[in-house]
């Protein structure tokens, strides 16, 4: 079933508005992670999560819809799914494993981390920029809240094993994070 959704892609919204206000970014990321939690619990990995596949239905409230499930894969009993074969090189906005697989929930979390950084910066992050921002804005002590950039660096780590295990785990880390701009 297909439904018409009024709105624009997140990519278009970022291009039009530049950096989005922190409350909007927080709400949007919470919305995305809640949606992904449901997708992952249903046994699927989106596999192609980027700002062109997220529609903004209410920018002021950070309301979004995840679309384009043509690359979605059903997870097996071990929690992995095969990657849909792609032509050419994988774009930086997608997790590296989307080219060859296996895909896991962590693959989609990479996309959320990348999109969150793009919303905060008002543009796509340059290669290595998220990790650099995390180094510049670290937590002041092991017991203090991490910076949002540290959370995003974990989400976009090239190694899936070093990313968050689930949407709920990433959401919990973001709730503890200090949301400051670079």
C-alpha atoms as a PDB file:
ATOM      1  CA  UNK A   1       0.000   0.000   0.000  1.00  0.00           C
ATOM      2  CA  UNK A   2       1.254   3.471  -0.853  1.00  0.00           C
ATOM      3  CA  UNK A   3       0.170   6.661   0.847  1.00  0.00           C
ATOM      4  CA  UNK A   4       0.736  10.209  -0.304  1.00  0.00           C
ATOM      5  CA  UNK A   5       2.752  12.146   2.265  1.00  0.00           C
ATOM      6  CA  UNK A   6       2.853  15.918   2.064  1.00  0.00           C
ATOM      7  CA  UNK A   7       6.260  17.365   2.770  1.00  0.00           C
ATOM      8  CA  UNK A   8       9.806  17.509   1.527  1.00  0.00           C
ATOM      9  CA  UNK A   9      12.801  15.276   1.953  1.00  0.00           C
ATOM     10  CA  UNK A  10      15.102  15.932   4.875  1.00  0.00           C
ATOM     11  CA  UNK A  11      17.813  16.610   2.297  1.00  0.00           C
ATOM     12  CA  UNK A  12      15.679  19.393   0.769  1.00  0.00           C
ATOM     13  CA  UNK A  13      14.840  20.827   4.209  1.00  0.00           C
ATOM     14  CA  UNK A  14      18.525  21.025   5.175  1.00  0.00           C
ATOM     15  CA  UNK A  15      19.409  22.617   1.841  1.00  0.00           C
ATOM     16  CA  UNK A  16      16.606  25.179   2.225  1.00  0.00           C
ATOM     17  CA  UNK A  17      16.978  25.995   5.939  1.00  0.00           C
ATOM     18  CA  UNK A  18      20.643  25.263   6.707  1.00  0.00           C
ATOM     19  CA  UNK A  19      21.401  24.174  10.283  1.00  0.00           C
ATOM     20  CA  UNK A  20      18.175  23.224  12.028  1.00  0.00           C
ATOM     21  CA  UNK A  21      17.362  24.408  15.577  1.00  0.00           C
ATOM     22  CA  UNK A  22      18.434  22.013  18.339  1.00  0.00           C
ATOM     23  CA  UNK A  23      14.870  21.286  19.542  1.00  0.00           C
ATOM     24  CA  UNK A  24      13.885  20.325  15.987  1.00  0.00           C
ATOM     25  CA  UNK A  25      16.946  18.073  15.579  1.00  0.00           C
ATOM     26  CA  UNK A  26      16.296  16.374  18.929  1.00  0.00           C
ATOM     27  CA  UNK A  27      12.659  15.749  18.052  1.00  0.00           C
ATOM     28  CA  UNK A  28      13.523  14.531  14.540  1.00  0.00           C
ATOM     29  CA  UNK A  29      16.179  12.105  15.770  1.00  0.00           C
ATOM     30  CA  UNK A  30      13.868  10.807  18.508  1.00  0.00           C
ATOM     31  CA  UNK A  31      11.189  10.285  15.860  1.00  0.00           C
ATOM     32  CA  UNK A  32      13.595   8.455  13.510  1.00  0.00           C
ATOM     33  CA  UNK A  33      14.936   6.205  16.246  1.00  0.00           C
ATOM     34  CA  UNK A  34      11.415   5.354  17.441  1.00  0.00           C
ATOM     35  CA  UNK A  35      10.442   4.417  13.878  1.00  0.00           C
ATOM     36  CA  UNK A  36      13.599   2.343  13.428  1.00  0.00           C
ATOM     37  CA  UNK A  37      12.970   0.532  16.695  1.00  0.00           C
ATOM     38  CA  UNK A  38       9.616  -0.611  15.256  1.00  0.00           C
ATOM     39  CA  UNK A  39      11.177  -1.596  11.895  1.00  0.00           C
ATOM     40  CA  UNK A  40      13.943  -3.560  13.611  1.00  0.00           C
ATOM     41  CA  UNK A  41      11.520  -5.281  16.001  1.00  0.00           C
ATOM     42  CA  UNK A  42       9.458  -6.327  12.980  1.00  0.00           C
ATOM     43  CA  UNK A  43      12.572  -8.105  11.712  1.00  0.00           C
ATOM     44  CA  UNK A  44      13.831  -5.747   9.005  1.00  0.00           C
ATOM     45  CA  UNK A  45      16.809  -3.513   8.277  1.00  0.00           C
ATOM     46  CA  UNK A  46      16.060  -0.482   6.068  1.00  0.00           C
ATOM     47  CA  UNK A  47      19.529  -0.644   4.507  1.00  0.00           C
ATOM     48  CA  UNK A  48      19.307   2.667   2.615  1.00  0.00           C
ATOM     49  CA  UNK A  49      18.652   5.233   5.312  1.00  0.00           C
ATOM     50  CA  UNK A  50      19.709   8.734   4.273  1.00  0.00           C
ATOM     51  CA  UNK A  51      18.206  12.220   4.078  1.00  0.00           C
ATOM     52  CA  UNK A  52      16.643  11.556   0.680  1.00  0.00           C
ATOM     53  CA  UNK A  53      14.637   8.679   2.166  1.00  0.00           C
ATOM     54  CA  UNK A  54      13.211  10.645   5.080  1.00  0.00           C
ATOM     55  CA  UNK A  55      10.255  12.967   4.509  1.00  0.00           C
ATOM     56  CA  UNK A  56       9.680  15.944   6.779  1.00  0.00           C
ATOM     57  CA  UNK A  57       5.963  16.226   7.496  1.00  0.00           C
ATOM     58  CA  UNK A  58       6.212  18.970  10.165  1.00  0.00           C
ATOM     59  CA  UNK A  59       9.563  20.751  10.425  1.00  0.00           C
ATOM     60  CA  UNK A  60       8.733  22.796  13.529  1.00  0.00           C
ATOM     61  CA  UNK A  61       7.926  19.629  15.490  1.00  0.00           C
ATOM     62  CA  UNK A  62      10.603  17.424  13.911  1.00  0.00           C
ATOM     63  CA  UNK A  63       7.998  15.016  12.509  1.00  0.00           C
ATOM     64  CA  UNK A  64       9.328  12.652   9.879  1.00  0.00           C
ATOM     65  CA  UNK A  65       8.417   9.593   7.839  1.00  0.00           C
ATOM     66  CA  UNK A  66      10.960   7.016   6.755  1.00  0.00           C
ATOM     67  CA  UNK A  67      10.286   5.981   3.151  1.00  0.00           C
ATOM     68  CA  UNK A  68      11.731   3.909   0.304  1.00  0.00           C
ATOM     69  CA  UNK A  69      11.987   0.406   1.663  1.00  0.00           C
ATOM     70  CA  UNK A  70      13.125  -1.091  -1.663  1.00  0.00           C
ATOM     71  CA  UNK A  71      16.518  -1.961  -0.138  1.00  0.00           C
ATOM     72  CA  UNK A  72      15.015  -3.284   3.101  1.00  0.00           C
ATOM     73  CA  UNK A  73      16.045  -6.803   4.001  1.00  0.00           C
ATOM     74  CA  UNK A  74      14.526  -9.340   6.346  1.00  0.00           C
ATOM     75  CA  UNK A  75      16.843 -10.268   9.206  1.00  0.00           C
ATOM     76  CA  UNK A  76      17.640 -13.897   9.793  1.00  0.00           C
ATOM     77  CA  UNK A  77      17.657 -15.630  13.164  1.00  0.00           C
ATOM     78  CA  UNK A  78      21.136 -14.255  13.931  1.00  0.00           C
ATOM     79  CA  UNK A  79      19.956 -10.650  13.392  1.00  0.00           C
ATOM     80  CA  UNK A  80      21.701 -10.037  10.073  1.00  0.00           C
ATOM     81  CA  UNK A  81      20.288  -9.365   6.634  1.00  0.00           C
ATOM     82  CA  UNK A  82      21.861  -9.576   3.181  1.00  0.00           C
ATOM     83  CA  UNK A  83      22.782  -6.323   1.437  1.00  0.00           C
ATOM     84  CA  UNK A  84      20.963  -5.496  -1.770  1.00  0.00           C
ATOM     85  CA  UNK A  85      23.613  -5.381  -4.514  1.00  0.00           C
ATOM     86  CA  UNK A  86      24.537  -1.812  -5.504  1.00  0.00           C
ATOM     87  CA  UNK A  87      26.197  -0.387  -8.556  1.00  0.00           C
ATOM     88  CA  UNK A  88      29.369   1.550  -7.898  1.00  0.00           C
ATOM     89  CA  UNK A  89      30.841   2.966  -4.726  1.00  0.00           C
ATOM     90  CA  UNK A  90      28.761   3.470  -1.559  1.00  0.00           C
ATOM     91  CA  UNK A  91      28.205   7.143  -0.693  1.00  0.00           C
ATOM     92  CA  UNK A  92      29.583   8.428   2.657  1.00  0.00           C
ATOM     93  CA  UNK A  93      26.000   8.967   3.880  1.00  0.00           C
ATOM     94  CA  UNK A  94      25.545   5.177   3.975  1.00  0.00           C
ATOM     95  CA  UNK A  95      27.249   2.659   6.221  1.00  0.00           C
ATOM     96  CA  UNK A  96      30.208   0.984   4.482  1.00  0.00           C
ATOM     97  CA  UNK A  97      28.679  -2.483   4.829  1.00  0.00           C
ATOM     98  CA  UNK A  98      25.687  -1.564   2.638  1.00  0.00           C
ATOM     99  CA  UNK A  99      27.835  -2.489  -0.362  1.00  0.00           C
ATOM    100  CA  UNK A 100      28.494  -6.067   0.651  1.00  0.00           C
ATOM    101  CA  UNK A 101      26.621  -6.893   3.863  1.00  0.00           C
ATOM    102  CA  UNK A 102      25.762  -8.306   6.198  1.00  0.00           C
ATOM    103  CA  UNK A 103      23.379  -5.596   7.366  1.00  0.00           C
ATOM    104  CA  UNK A 104      22.239  -5.222  10.972  1.00  0.00           C
ATOM    105  CA  UNK A 105      20.312  -2.696  13.015  1.00  0.00           C
ATOM    106  CA  UNK A 106      23.636  -0.875  13.382  1.00  0.00           C
ATOM    107  CA  UNK A 107      23.620  -0.198   9.620  1.00  0.00           C
ATOM    108  CA  UNK A 108      20.526   1.978   9.981  1.00  0.00           C
ATOM    109  CA  UNK A 109      21.917   3.718  13.078  1.00  0.00           C
ATOM    110  CA  UNK A 110      24.845   4.883  10.956  1.00  0.00           C
ATOM    111  CA  UNK A 111      22.326   6.678   8.732  1.00  0.00           C
ATOM    112  CA  UNK A 112      20.639   8.336  11.705  1.00  0.00           C
ATOM    113  CA  UNK A 113      23.986   9.554  13.033  1.00  0.00           C
ATOM    114  CA  UNK A 114      24.953  10.947   9.653  1.00  0.00           C
ATOM    115  CA  UNK A 115      21.588  12.703   9.203  1.00  0.00           C
ATOM    116  CA  UNK A 116      21.729  14.169  12.711  1.00  0.00           C
ATOM    117  CA  UNK A 117      25.153  15.647  11.949  1.00  0.00           C
ATOM    118  CA  UNK A 118      23.831  17.045   8.655  1.00  0.00           C
ATOM    119  CA  UNK A 119      20.892  18.685  10.443  1.00  0.00           C
ATOM    120  CA  UNK A 120      23.222  20.280  13.000  1.00  0.00           C
ATOM    121  CA  UNK A 121      25.766  21.446  10.399  1.00  0.00           C
ATOM    122  CA  UNK A 122      23.257  22.474   7.741  1.00  0.00           C
ATOM    123  CA  UNK A 123      25.086  20.322   5.166  1.00  0.00           C
ATOM    124  CA  UNK A 124      26.479  16.839   4.703  1.00  0.00           C
ATOM    125  CA  UNK A 125      29.472  16.249   6.964  1.00  0.00           C
ATOM    126  CA  UNK A 126      32.837  15.945   5.253  1.00  0.00           C
ATOM    127  CA  UNK A 127      34.703  12.633   5.611  1.00  0.00           C
ATOM    128  CA  UNK A 128      36.076  12.372   9.157  1.00  0.00           C
ATOM    129  CA  UNK A 129      34.349  15.571  10.307  1.00  0.00           C
ATOM    130  CA  UNK A 130      32.029  13.910  12.848  1.00  0.00           C
ATOM    131  CA  UNK A 131      34.943  12.172  14.580  1.00  0.00           C
ATOM    132  CA  UNK A 132      36.906  15.438  14.544  1.00  0.00           C
ATOM    133  CA  UNK A 133      34.014  17.328  16.152  1.00  0.00           C
ATOM    134  CA  UNK A 134      33.781  14.592  18.799  1.00  0.00           C
ATOM    135  CA  UNK A 135      37.476  15.077  19.609  1.00  0.00           C
ATOM    136  CA  UNK A 136      37.036  18.861  19.856  1.00  0.00           C
ATOM    137  CA  UNK A 137      33.965  18.600  22.100  1.00  0.00           C
ATOM    138  CA  UNK A 138      34.671  15.653  24.437  1.00  0.00           C
ATOM    139  CA  UNK A 139      33.011  15.017  27.774  1.00  0.00           C
ATOM    140  CA  UNK A 140      34.934  16.854  30.471  1.00  0.00           C
ATOM    141  CA  UNK A 141      35.175  13.754  32.661  1.00  0.00           C
ATOM    142  CA  UNK A 142      34.258  10.073  32.424  1.00  0.00           C
ATOM    143  CA  UNK A 143      31.187  10.732  34.592  1.00  0.00           C
ATOM    144  CA  UNK A 144      29.840  13.733  32.680  1.00  0.00           C
ATOM    145  CA  UNK A 145      27.425  13.616  29.786  1.00  0.00           C
ATOM    146  CA  UNK A 146      28.978  12.879  26.407  1.00  0.00           C
ATOM    147  CA  UNK A 147      28.776  15.531  23.719  1.00  0.00           C
ATOM    148  CA  UNK A 148      26.281  14.859  20.972  1.00  0.00           C
ATOM    149  CA  UNK A 149      29.281  14.647  18.624  1.00  0.00           C
ATOM    150  CA  UNK A 150      30.691  11.731  20.619  1.00  0.00           C
ATOM    151  CA  UNK A 151      27.358   9.955  20.255  1.00  0.00           C
ATOM    152  CA  UNK A 152      27.278  10.671  16.514  1.00  0.00           C
ATOM    153  CA  UNK A 153      30.896   9.507  16.122  1.00  0.00           C
ATOM    154  CA  UNK A 154      29.934   6.207  17.733  1.00  0.00           C
ATOM    155  CA  UNK A 155      26.876   5.881  15.466  1.00  0.00           C
ATOM    156  CA  UNK A 156      28.926   6.565  12.327  1.00  0.00           C
ATOM    157  CA  UNK A 157      31.975   4.506  13.223  1.00  0.00           C
ATOM    158  CA  UNK A 158      33.158   2.618  10.114  1.00  0.00           C
ATOM    159  CA  UNK A 159      33.145  -0.614  12.143  1.00  0.00           C
ATOM    160  CA  UNK A 160      29.607  -1.853  12.865  1.00  0.00           C
ATOM    161  CA  UNK A 161      30.879  -3.597  16.021  1.00  0.00           C
ATOM    162  CA  UNK A 162      31.729  -0.208  17.575  1.00  0.00           C
ATOM    163  CA  UNK A 163      28.322   1.357  16.860  1.00  0.00           C
ATOM    164  CA  UNK A 164      25.274   1.289  19.111  1.00  0.00           C
ATOM    165  CA  UNK A 165      23.531  -2.096  19.184  1.00  0.00           C
ATOM    166  CA  UNK A 166      20.003  -0.724  18.937  1.00  0.00           C
ATOM    167  CA  UNK A 167      17.901   2.371  18.323  1.00  0.00           C
ATOM    168  CA  UNK A 168      16.992   2.403  22.012  1.00  0.00           C
ATOM    169  CA  UNK A 169      20.658   2.337  23.045  1.00  0.00           C
ATOM    170  CA  UNK A 170      21.442   5.268  20.744  1.00  0.00           C
ATOM    171  CA  UNK A 171      18.409   7.176  21.959  1.00  0.00           C
ATOM    172  CA  UNK A 172      19.491   6.689  25.581  1.00  0.00           C
ATOM    173  CA  UNK A 173      22.973   8.000  24.725  1.00  0.00           C
ATOM    174  CA  UNK A 174      21.475  11.054  23.013  1.00  0.00           C
ATOM    175  CA  UNK A 175      19.262  11.743  26.030  1.00  0.00           C
ATOM    176  CA  UNK A 176      22.417  11.869  28.201  1.00  0.00           C
ATOM    177  CA  UNK A 177      24.314  13.997  25.676  1.00  0.00           C
ATOM    178  CA  UNK A 178      25.153  17.673  25.902  1.00  0.00           C
ATOM    179  CA  UNK A 179      23.607  19.179  22.756  1.00  0.00           C
ATOM    180  CA  UNK A 180      25.995  21.945  21.758  1.00  0.00           C
ATOM    181  CA  UNK A 181      26.872  23.206  18.319  1.00  0.00           C
ATOM    182  CA  UNK A 182      30.402  23.023  16.877  1.00  0.00           C
END
